[in-house]
């Protein structure tokens, strides 16, 4: 019983300590043949705080950004450092959905927990482009399902290791930084009704007990935080 309580407390503390998030900012739509700018930030999205690199966790600034093209090809994008962000760009060659994804396990632990920061975003090139969850190989991912329009219910689904996952926390942030915490149901989804048009960010988190070793450090569990940014239309 004591071991169970300790495990639960550690998982709970992990969810509190790792309030910071990594997220991708890019235009939701693009045009074939034109460069698409992409930026990555780390901080408190709901507080509009974008941290300087000195405050990024461990080796997070050394992350890798991947692009999955409309043809299903996977490309590693070159990143450059800005004042408090990482920046890249790509040029789409044809219409379709282009998926940006990051999956970074920090070399240093936080307490006894290993941290994995995940982020993704989709760029629709052409009117018929639709985001495909399978385009991201991230272990934990969160994605709106269906239309995203103001004053209409929006469904958000979470996958963990390729399966719908119930009981996970989903944090939702609106363009005015209003936030809401929801829990996924049996089908791995949550539903909310957006009140404002504009850019939203959603984050799914998971804490999984399990001993192991990474980069010479022994850990007792894994914390994962996966974000996704998307637009809500009028």
C-alpha atoms as a PDB file:
ATOM      1  CA  UNK A   1       0.000   0.000   0.000  1.00  0.00           C
ATOM      2  CA  UNK A   2       2.833   2.406   0.879  1.00  0.00           C
ATOM      3  CA  UNK A   3       4.491   1.688  -2.471  1.00  0.00           C
ATOM      4  CA  UNK A   4       1.215   2.365  -4.297  1.00  0.00           C
ATOM      5  CA  UNK A   5       0.702   5.658  -2.454  1.00  0.00           C
ATOM      6  CA  UNK A   6       4.286   6.706  -3.195  1.00  0.00           C
ATOM      7  CA  UNK A   7       3.820   5.915  -6.880  1.00  0.00           C
ATOM      8  CA  UNK A   8       0.606   7.947  -7.040  1.00  0.00           C
ATOM      9  CA  UNK A   9       2.210  10.890  -5.248  1.00  0.00           C
ATOM     10  CA  UNK A  10       5.168  10.843  -7.610  1.00  0.00           C
ATOM     11  CA  UNK A  11       2.881  10.766 -10.629  1.00  0.00           C
ATOM     12  CA  UNK A  12       0.837  13.624  -9.197  1.00  0.00           C
ATOM     13  CA  UNK A  13       3.915  15.710  -8.428  1.00  0.00           C
ATOM     14  CA  UNK A  14       5.198  15.020 -11.936  1.00  0.00           C
ATOM     15  CA  UNK A  15       2.027  16.443 -13.439  1.00  0.00           C
ATOM     16  CA  UNK A  16       2.489  19.617 -11.390  1.00  0.00           C
ATOM     17  CA  UNK A  17       6.214  20.152 -11.904  1.00  0.00           C
ATOM     18  CA  UNK A  18       6.092  19.773 -15.671  1.00  0.00           C
ATOM     19  CA  UNK A  19       3.597  22.546 -16.285  1.00  0.00           C
ATOM     20  CA  UNK A  20       5.828  23.975 -18.998  1.00  0.00           C
ATOM     21  CA  UNK A  21       5.087  22.921 -22.550  1.00  0.00           C
ATOM     22  CA  UNK A  22       6.755  22.785 -25.931  1.00  0.00           C
ATOM     23  CA  UNK A  23       4.585  23.873 -28.851  1.00  0.00           C
ATOM     24  CA  UNK A  24       4.741  24.625 -32.574  1.00  0.00           C
ATOM     25  CA  UNK A  25       3.465  27.829 -34.125  1.00  0.00           C
ATOM     26  CA  UNK A  26       2.846  28.006 -37.875  1.00  0.00           C
ATOM     27  CA  UNK A  27       0.077  29.120 -40.206  1.00  0.00           C
ATOM     28  CA  UNK A  28      -2.704  26.517 -40.449  1.00  0.00           C
ATOM     29  CA  UNK A  29      -2.773  26.801 -44.245  1.00  0.00           C
ATOM     30  CA  UNK A  30      -0.174  27.193 -46.978  1.00  0.00           C
ATOM     31  CA  UNK A  31       0.279  27.321 -50.724  1.00  0.00           C
ATOM     32  CA  UNK A  32       2.241  24.892 -52.881  1.00  0.00           C
ATOM     33  CA  UNK A  33       5.583  26.295 -53.911  1.00  0.00           C
ATOM     34  CA  UNK A  34       5.692  28.944 -51.174  1.00  0.00           C
ATOM     35  CA  UNK A  35       7.882  28.811 -48.019  1.00  0.00           C
ATOM     36  CA  UNK A  36       6.108  28.010 -44.740  1.00  0.00           C
ATOM     37  CA  UNK A  37       7.592  29.497 -41.555  1.00  0.00           C
ATOM     38  CA  UNK A  38       7.663  27.346 -38.402  1.00  0.00           C
ATOM     39  CA  UNK A  39       8.592  28.348 -34.841  1.00  0.00           C
ATOM     40  CA  UNK A  40       8.896  26.305 -31.647  1.00  0.00           C
ATOM     41  CA  UNK A  41       8.433  27.804 -28.185  1.00  0.00           C
ATOM     42  CA  UNK A  42       8.774  26.531 -24.624  1.00  0.00           C
ATOM     43  CA  UNK A  43       7.036  28.026 -21.626  1.00  0.00           C
ATOM     44  CA  UNK A  44       3.566  28.598 -20.178  1.00  0.00           C
ATOM     45  CA  UNK A  45       1.173  28.973 -23.111  1.00  0.00           C
ATOM     46  CA  UNK A  46      -1.782  29.894 -20.911  1.00  0.00           C
ATOM     47  CA  UNK A  47       0.209  32.718 -19.300  1.00  0.00           C
ATOM     48  CA  UNK A  48       1.618  33.913 -22.637  1.00  0.00           C
ATOM     49  CA  UNK A  49       5.124  33.169 -21.325  1.00  0.00           C
ATOM     50  CA  UNK A  50       7.748  32.159 -23.878  1.00  0.00           C
ATOM     51  CA  UNK A  51      10.950  31.279 -22.038  1.00  0.00           C
ATOM     52  CA  UNK A  52      14.473  32.299 -22.959  1.00  0.00           C
ATOM     53  CA  UNK A  53      16.760  29.383 -23.870  1.00  0.00           C
ATOM     54  CA  UNK A  54      18.426  29.505 -20.451  1.00  0.00           C
ATOM     55  CA  UNK A  55      15.117  28.335 -18.954  1.00  0.00           C
ATOM     56  CA  UNK A  56      14.457  25.503 -21.430  1.00  0.00           C
ATOM     57  CA  UNK A  57      14.670  22.123 -19.720  1.00  0.00           C
ATOM     58  CA  UNK A  58      17.965  20.262 -20.080  1.00  0.00           C
ATOM     59  CA  UNK A  59      18.943  19.679 -23.747  1.00  0.00           C
ATOM     60  CA  UNK A  60      15.497  20.557 -25.139  1.00  0.00           C
ATOM     61  CA  UNK A  61      16.976  23.260 -27.443  1.00  0.00           C
ATOM     62  CA  UNK A  62      18.741  20.408 -29.271  1.00  0.00           C
ATOM     63  CA  UNK A  63      15.458  18.810 -30.349  1.00  0.00           C
ATOM     64  CA  UNK A  64      14.752  17.503 -33.852  1.00  0.00           C
ATOM     65  CA  UNK A  65      11.850  18.722 -35.981  1.00  0.00           C
ATOM     66  CA  UNK A  66      10.406  16.320 -38.553  1.00  0.00           C
ATOM     67  CA  UNK A  67       8.157  17.030 -41.505  1.00  0.00           C
ATOM     68  CA  UNK A  68       5.912  14.386 -43.075  1.00  0.00           C
ATOM     69  CA  UNK A  69       4.944  15.538 -46.552  1.00  0.00           C
ATOM     70  CA  UNK A  70       1.701  14.998 -48.455  1.00  0.00           C
ATOM     71  CA  UNK A  71       3.432  12.030 -50.130  1.00  0.00           C
ATOM     72  CA  UNK A  72       4.213  10.432 -46.779  1.00  0.00           C
ATOM     73  CA  UNK A  73       7.932  11.197 -46.950  1.00  0.00           C
ATOM     74  CA  UNK A  74       9.701  12.093 -43.706  1.00  0.00           C
ATOM     75  CA  UNK A  75      12.242  14.917 -43.709  1.00  0.00           C
ATOM     76  CA  UNK A  76      14.424  16.392 -40.971  1.00  0.00           C
ATOM     77  CA  UNK A  77      14.173  20.187 -40.979  1.00  0.00           C
ATOM     78  CA  UNK A  78      17.090  22.488 -40.214  1.00  0.00           C
ATOM     79  CA  UNK A  79      16.552  24.617 -37.110  1.00  0.00           C
ATOM     80  CA  UNK A  80      18.083  27.980 -36.201  1.00  0.00           C
ATOM     81  CA  UNK A  81      17.916  29.767 -32.846  1.00  0.00           C
ATOM     82  CA  UNK A  82      16.043  33.035 -32.444  1.00  0.00           C
ATOM     83  CA  UNK A  83      15.793  35.143 -29.295  1.00  0.00           C
ATOM     84  CA  UNK A  84      13.568  32.654 -27.444  1.00  0.00           C
ATOM     85  CA  UNK A  85      12.498  30.205 -30.134  1.00  0.00           C
ATOM     86  CA  UNK A  86      13.696  27.669 -32.665  1.00  0.00           C
ATOM     87  CA  UNK A  87      12.832  28.455 -36.262  1.00  0.00           C
ATOM     88  CA  UNK A  88      12.641  26.560 -39.540  1.00  0.00           C
ATOM     89  CA  UNK A  89      10.743  26.542 -42.824  1.00  0.00           C
ATOM     90  CA  UNK A  90       9.718  24.213 -45.623  1.00  0.00           C
ATOM     91  CA  UNK A  91       8.263  24.550 -49.095  1.00  0.00           C
ATOM     92  CA  UNK A  92       5.417  22.243 -50.066  1.00  0.00           C
ATOM     93  CA  UNK A  93       5.539  20.827 -53.577  1.00  0.00           C
ATOM     94  CA  UNK A  94       1.892  19.800 -53.915  1.00  0.00           C
ATOM     95  CA  UNK A  95      -1.509  20.060 -52.224  1.00  0.00           C
ATOM     96  CA  UNK A  96      -2.161  17.906 -49.170  1.00  0.00           C
ATOM     97  CA  UNK A  97      -1.604  17.747 -45.414  1.00  0.00           C
ATOM     98  CA  UNK A  98       1.907  18.398 -44.085  1.00  0.00           C
ATOM     99  CA  UNK A  99       2.612  17.255 -40.525  1.00  0.00           C
ATOM    100  CA  UNK A 100       5.262  18.760 -38.250  1.00  0.00           C
ATOM    101  CA  UNK A 101       6.326  16.699 -35.239  1.00  0.00           C
ATOM    102  CA  UNK A 102       8.796  16.700 -32.348  1.00  0.00           C
ATOM    103  CA  UNK A 103       9.489  13.884 -29.890  1.00  0.00           C
ATOM    104  CA  UNK A 104      12.324  14.683 -27.489  1.00  0.00           C
ATOM    105  CA  UNK A 105      13.376  12.759 -24.383  1.00  0.00           C
ATOM    106  CA  UNK A 106      15.526  14.991 -22.198  1.00  0.00           C
ATOM    107  CA  UNK A 107      18.922  13.659 -21.220  1.00  0.00           C
ATOM    108  CA  UNK A 108      18.408  14.860 -17.630  1.00  0.00           C
ATOM    109  CA  UNK A 109      15.682  13.691 -15.276  1.00  0.00           C
ATOM    110  CA  UNK A 110      13.340  15.831 -13.205  1.00  0.00           C
ATOM    111  CA  UNK A 111      13.482  14.193  -9.817  1.00  0.00           C
ATOM    112  CA  UNK A 112      13.280  10.500 -10.690  1.00  0.00           C
ATOM    113  CA  UNK A 113      11.104  10.980 -13.767  1.00  0.00           C
ATOM    114  CA  UNK A 114      12.178  10.929 -17.374  1.00  0.00           C
ATOM    115  CA  UNK A 115      10.595  13.666 -19.486  1.00  0.00           C
ATOM    116  CA  UNK A 116       9.421  13.453 -23.073  1.00  0.00           C
ATOM    117  CA  UNK A 117       8.254  16.611 -24.835  1.00  0.00           C
ATOM    118  CA  UNK A 118       6.086  16.041 -27.893  1.00  0.00           C
ATOM    119  CA  UNK A 119       4.526  18.586 -30.225  1.00  0.00           C
ATOM    120  CA  UNK A 120       2.809  18.532 -33.589  1.00  0.00           C
ATOM    121  CA  UNK A 121       0.966  20.775 -36.032  1.00  0.00           C
ATOM    122  CA  UNK A 122      -0.625  20.304 -39.444  1.00  0.00           C
ATOM    123  CA  UNK A 123      -0.430  22.620 -42.434  1.00  0.00           C
ATOM    124  CA  UNK A 124      -3.234  22.248 -44.976  1.00  0.00           C
ATOM    125  CA  UNK A 125      -2.067  22.999 -48.512  1.00  0.00           C
ATOM    126  CA  UNK A 126      -5.127  23.102 -50.755  1.00  0.00           C
ATOM    127  CA  UNK A 127      -8.781  23.034 -49.713  1.00  0.00           C
ATOM    128  CA  UNK A 128      -9.104  19.236 -49.557  1.00  0.00           C
ATOM    129  CA  UNK A 129      -6.224  18.660 -47.096  1.00  0.00           C
ATOM    130  CA  UNK A 130      -7.165  16.797 -43.890  1.00  0.00           C
ATOM    131  CA  UNK A 131      -4.924  16.075 -40.895  1.00  0.00           C
ATOM    132  CA  UNK A 132      -3.971  12.396 -40.564  1.00  0.00           C
ATOM    133  CA  UNK A 133      -3.094  11.131 -37.041  1.00  0.00           C
ATOM    134  CA  UNK A 134      -1.003   8.346 -38.561  1.00  0.00           C
ATOM    135  CA  UNK A 135       1.305  10.944 -40.130  1.00  0.00           C
ATOM    136  CA  UNK A 136       2.907  11.504 -36.722  1.00  0.00           C
ATOM    137  CA  UNK A 137       4.873   8.630 -35.205  1.00  0.00           C
ATOM    138  CA  UNK A 138       4.780  10.212 -31.737  1.00  0.00           C
ATOM    139  CA  UNK A 139       3.870   7.781 -28.965  1.00  0.00           C
ATOM    140  CA  UNK A 140       1.469  10.260 -27.375  1.00  0.00           C
ATOM    141  CA  UNK A 141      -0.548  12.563 -29.621  1.00  0.00           C
ATOM    142  CA  UNK A 142      -3.648  14.729 -29.436  1.00  0.00           C
ATOM    143  CA  UNK A 143      -5.681  15.974 -32.392  1.00  0.00           C
ATOM    144  CA  UNK A 144      -9.056  17.608 -33.117  1.00  0.00           C
ATOM    145  CA  UNK A 145     -11.420  15.304 -34.990  1.00  0.00           C
ATOM    146  CA  UNK A 146     -13.762  16.900 -37.515  1.00  0.00           C
ATOM    147  CA  UNK A 147     -14.573  20.567 -38.051  1.00  0.00           C
ATOM    148  CA  UNK A 148     -13.290  23.268 -35.722  1.00  0.00           C
ATOM    149  CA  UNK A 149     -15.740  26.166 -35.805  1.00  0.00           C
ATOM    150  CA  UNK A 150     -16.710  28.729 -33.189  1.00  0.00           C
ATOM    151  CA  UNK A 151     -19.818  28.008 -31.073  1.00  0.00           C
ATOM    152  CA  UNK A 152     -19.964  24.400 -32.282  1.00  0.00           C
ATOM    153  CA  UNK A 153     -18.799  21.314 -30.330  1.00  0.00           C
ATOM    154  CA  UNK A 154     -15.241  20.254 -31.144  1.00  0.00           C
ATOM    155  CA  UNK A 155     -14.012  16.737 -30.403  1.00  0.00           C
ATOM    156  CA  UNK A 156     -10.389  16.170 -29.430  1.00  0.00           C
ATOM    157  CA  UNK A 157      -8.900  12.682 -29.362  1.00  0.00           C
ATOM    158  CA  UNK A 158      -5.826  11.308 -27.589  1.00  0.00           C
ATOM    159  CA  UNK A 159      -3.744   8.314 -28.673  1.00  0.00           C
ATOM    160  CA  UNK A 160      -1.115   6.592 -26.550  1.00  0.00           C
ATOM    161  CA  UNK A 161       0.995   3.955 -28.259  1.00  0.00           C
ATOM    162  CA  UNK A 162      -1.442   3.919 -31.164  1.00  0.00           C
ATOM    163  CA  UNK A 163      -4.552   3.296 -29.076  1.00  0.00           C
ATOM    164  CA  UNK A 164      -7.331   5.564 -27.817  1.00  0.00           C
ATOM    165  CA  UNK A 165      -6.655   6.296 -24.170  1.00  0.00           C
ATOM    166  CA  UNK A 166      -9.181   7.013 -21.422  1.00  0.00           C
ATOM    167  CA  UNK A 167      -8.454   8.868 -18.187  1.00  0.00           C
ATOM    168  CA  UNK A 168      -5.791  11.224 -19.532  1.00  0.00           C
ATOM    169  CA  UNK A 169      -5.710  14.928 -18.792  1.00  0.00           C
ATOM    170  CA  UNK A 170      -6.230  17.342 -21.678  1.00  0.00           C
ATOM    171  CA  UNK A 171      -5.459  21.031 -21.179  1.00  0.00           C
ATOM    172  CA  UNK A 172      -7.142  23.459 -23.538  1.00  0.00           C
ATOM    173  CA  UNK A 173      -6.071  27.065 -24.167  1.00  0.00           C
ATOM    174  CA  UNK A 174      -7.991  29.597 -26.250  1.00  0.00           C
ATOM    175  CA  UNK A 175      -6.756  32.680 -28.173  1.00  0.00           C
ATOM    176  CA  UNK A 176      -7.592  34.838 -25.126  1.00  0.00           C
ATOM    177  CA  UNK A 177      -5.559  32.412 -22.937  1.00  0.00           C
ATOM    178  CA  UNK A 178      -8.689  31.100 -21.232  1.00  0.00           C
ATOM    179  CA  UNK A 179      -7.953  27.554 -20.096  1.00  0.00           C
ATOM    180  CA  UNK A 180      -9.868  24.396 -19.295  1.00  0.00           C
ATOM    181  CA  UNK A 181      -8.863  20.976 -17.972  1.00  0.00           C
ATOM    182  CA  UNK A 182     -10.711  17.912 -19.272  1.00  0.00           C
ATOM    183  CA  UNK A 183     -10.356  14.129 -18.918  1.00  0.00           C
ATOM    184  CA  UNK A 184     -10.645  11.721 -21.826  1.00  0.00           C
ATOM    185  CA  UNK A 185     -13.577   9.300 -21.850  1.00  0.00           C
ATOM    186  CA  UNK A 186     -13.639   5.621 -22.774  1.00  0.00           C
ATOM    187  CA  UNK A 187     -13.104   6.433 -26.459  1.00  0.00           C
ATOM    188  CA  UNK A 188     -10.133   8.684 -25.713  1.00  0.00           C
ATOM    189  CA  UNK A 189     -11.955  11.906 -26.537  1.00  0.00           C
ATOM    190  CA  UNK A 190     -13.010  15.151 -24.892  1.00  0.00           C
ATOM    191  CA  UNK A 191     -15.438  17.718 -26.287  1.00  0.00           C
ATOM    192  CA  UNK A 192     -15.560  21.478 -25.871  1.00  0.00           C
ATOM    193  CA  UNK A 193     -17.323  24.396 -27.540  1.00  0.00           C
ATOM    194  CA  UNK A 194     -14.950  27.196 -28.630  1.00  0.00           C
ATOM    195  CA  UNK A 195     -16.279  30.677 -27.894  1.00  0.00           C
ATOM    196  CA  UNK A 196     -13.680  32.608 -29.870  1.00  0.00           C
ATOM    197  CA  UNK A 197     -12.192  32.148 -33.355  1.00  0.00           C
ATOM    198  CA  UNK A 198      -8.423  31.974 -33.684  1.00  0.00           C
ATOM    199  CA  UNK A 199      -5.509  29.790 -32.612  1.00  0.00           C
ATOM    200  CA  UNK A 200      -6.004  27.157 -29.898  1.00  0.00           C
ATOM    201  CA  UNK A 201      -3.479  24.925 -28.185  1.00  0.00           C
ATOM    202  CA  UNK A 202      -4.294  21.549 -26.639  1.00  0.00           C
ATOM    203  CA  UNK A 203      -2.000  19.413 -24.506  1.00  0.00           C
ATOM    204  CA  UNK A 204      -2.384  15.811 -23.398  1.00  0.00           C
ATOM    205  CA  UNK A 205      -0.248  14.510 -20.538  1.00  0.00           C
ATOM    206  CA  UNK A 206       0.520  11.019 -19.302  1.00  0.00           C
ATOM    207  CA  UNK A 207       2.580   9.747 -16.359  1.00  0.00           C
ATOM    208  CA  UNK A 208       3.607   6.101 -16.502  1.00  0.00           C
ATOM    209  CA  UNK A 209       5.483   4.367 -13.637  1.00  0.00           C
ATOM    210  CA  UNK A 210       8.280   2.078 -14.765  1.00  0.00           C
ATOM    211  CA  UNK A 211      11.943   1.703 -13.909  1.00  0.00           C
ATOM    212  CA  UNK A 212      14.694   2.073 -16.457  1.00  0.00           C
ATOM    213  CA  UNK A 213      17.888   3.877 -17.369  1.00  0.00           C
ATOM    214  CA  UNK A 214      18.479   6.631 -19.922  1.00  0.00           C
ATOM    215  CA  UNK A 215      21.680   8.531 -20.596  1.00  0.00           C
ATOM    216  CA  UNK A 216      23.206   6.948 -17.505  1.00  0.00           C
ATOM    217  CA  UNK A 217      20.360   8.086 -15.229  1.00  0.00           C
ATOM    218  CA  UNK A 218      18.000   5.660 -13.513  1.00  0.00           C
ATOM    219  CA  UNK A 219      14.341   6.674 -13.576  1.00  0.00           C
ATOM    220  CA  UNK A 220      11.166   5.400 -11.920  1.00  0.00           C
ATOM    221  CA  UNK A 221       8.638   6.685 -14.436  1.00  0.00           C
ATOM    222  CA  UNK A 222       8.036   8.562 -17.669  1.00  0.00           C
ATOM    223  CA  UNK A 223       6.143  11.851 -18.011  1.00  0.00           C
ATOM    224  CA  UNK A 224       4.935  12.779 -21.500  1.00  0.00           C
ATOM    225  CA  UNK A 225       3.373  16.023 -22.662  1.00  0.00           C
ATOM    226  CA  UNK A 226       2.030  16.298 -26.218  1.00  0.00           C
ATOM    227  CA  UNK A 227       0.754  19.566 -27.711  1.00  0.00           C
ATOM    228  CA  UNK A 228      -1.103  20.472 -30.883  1.00  0.00           C
ATOM    229  CA  UNK A 229      -2.005  23.922 -32.213  1.00  0.00           C
ATOM    230  CA  UNK A 230      -4.937  24.525 -34.548  1.00  0.00           C
ATOM    231  CA  UNK A 231      -7.272  27.213 -35.853  1.00  0.00           C
ATOM    232  CA  UNK A 232     -10.960  27.649 -35.029  1.00  0.00           C
ATOM    233  CA  UNK A 233     -12.905  29.365 -37.822  1.00  0.00           C
ATOM    234  CA  UNK A 234     -15.785  31.816 -37.436  1.00  0.00           C
END
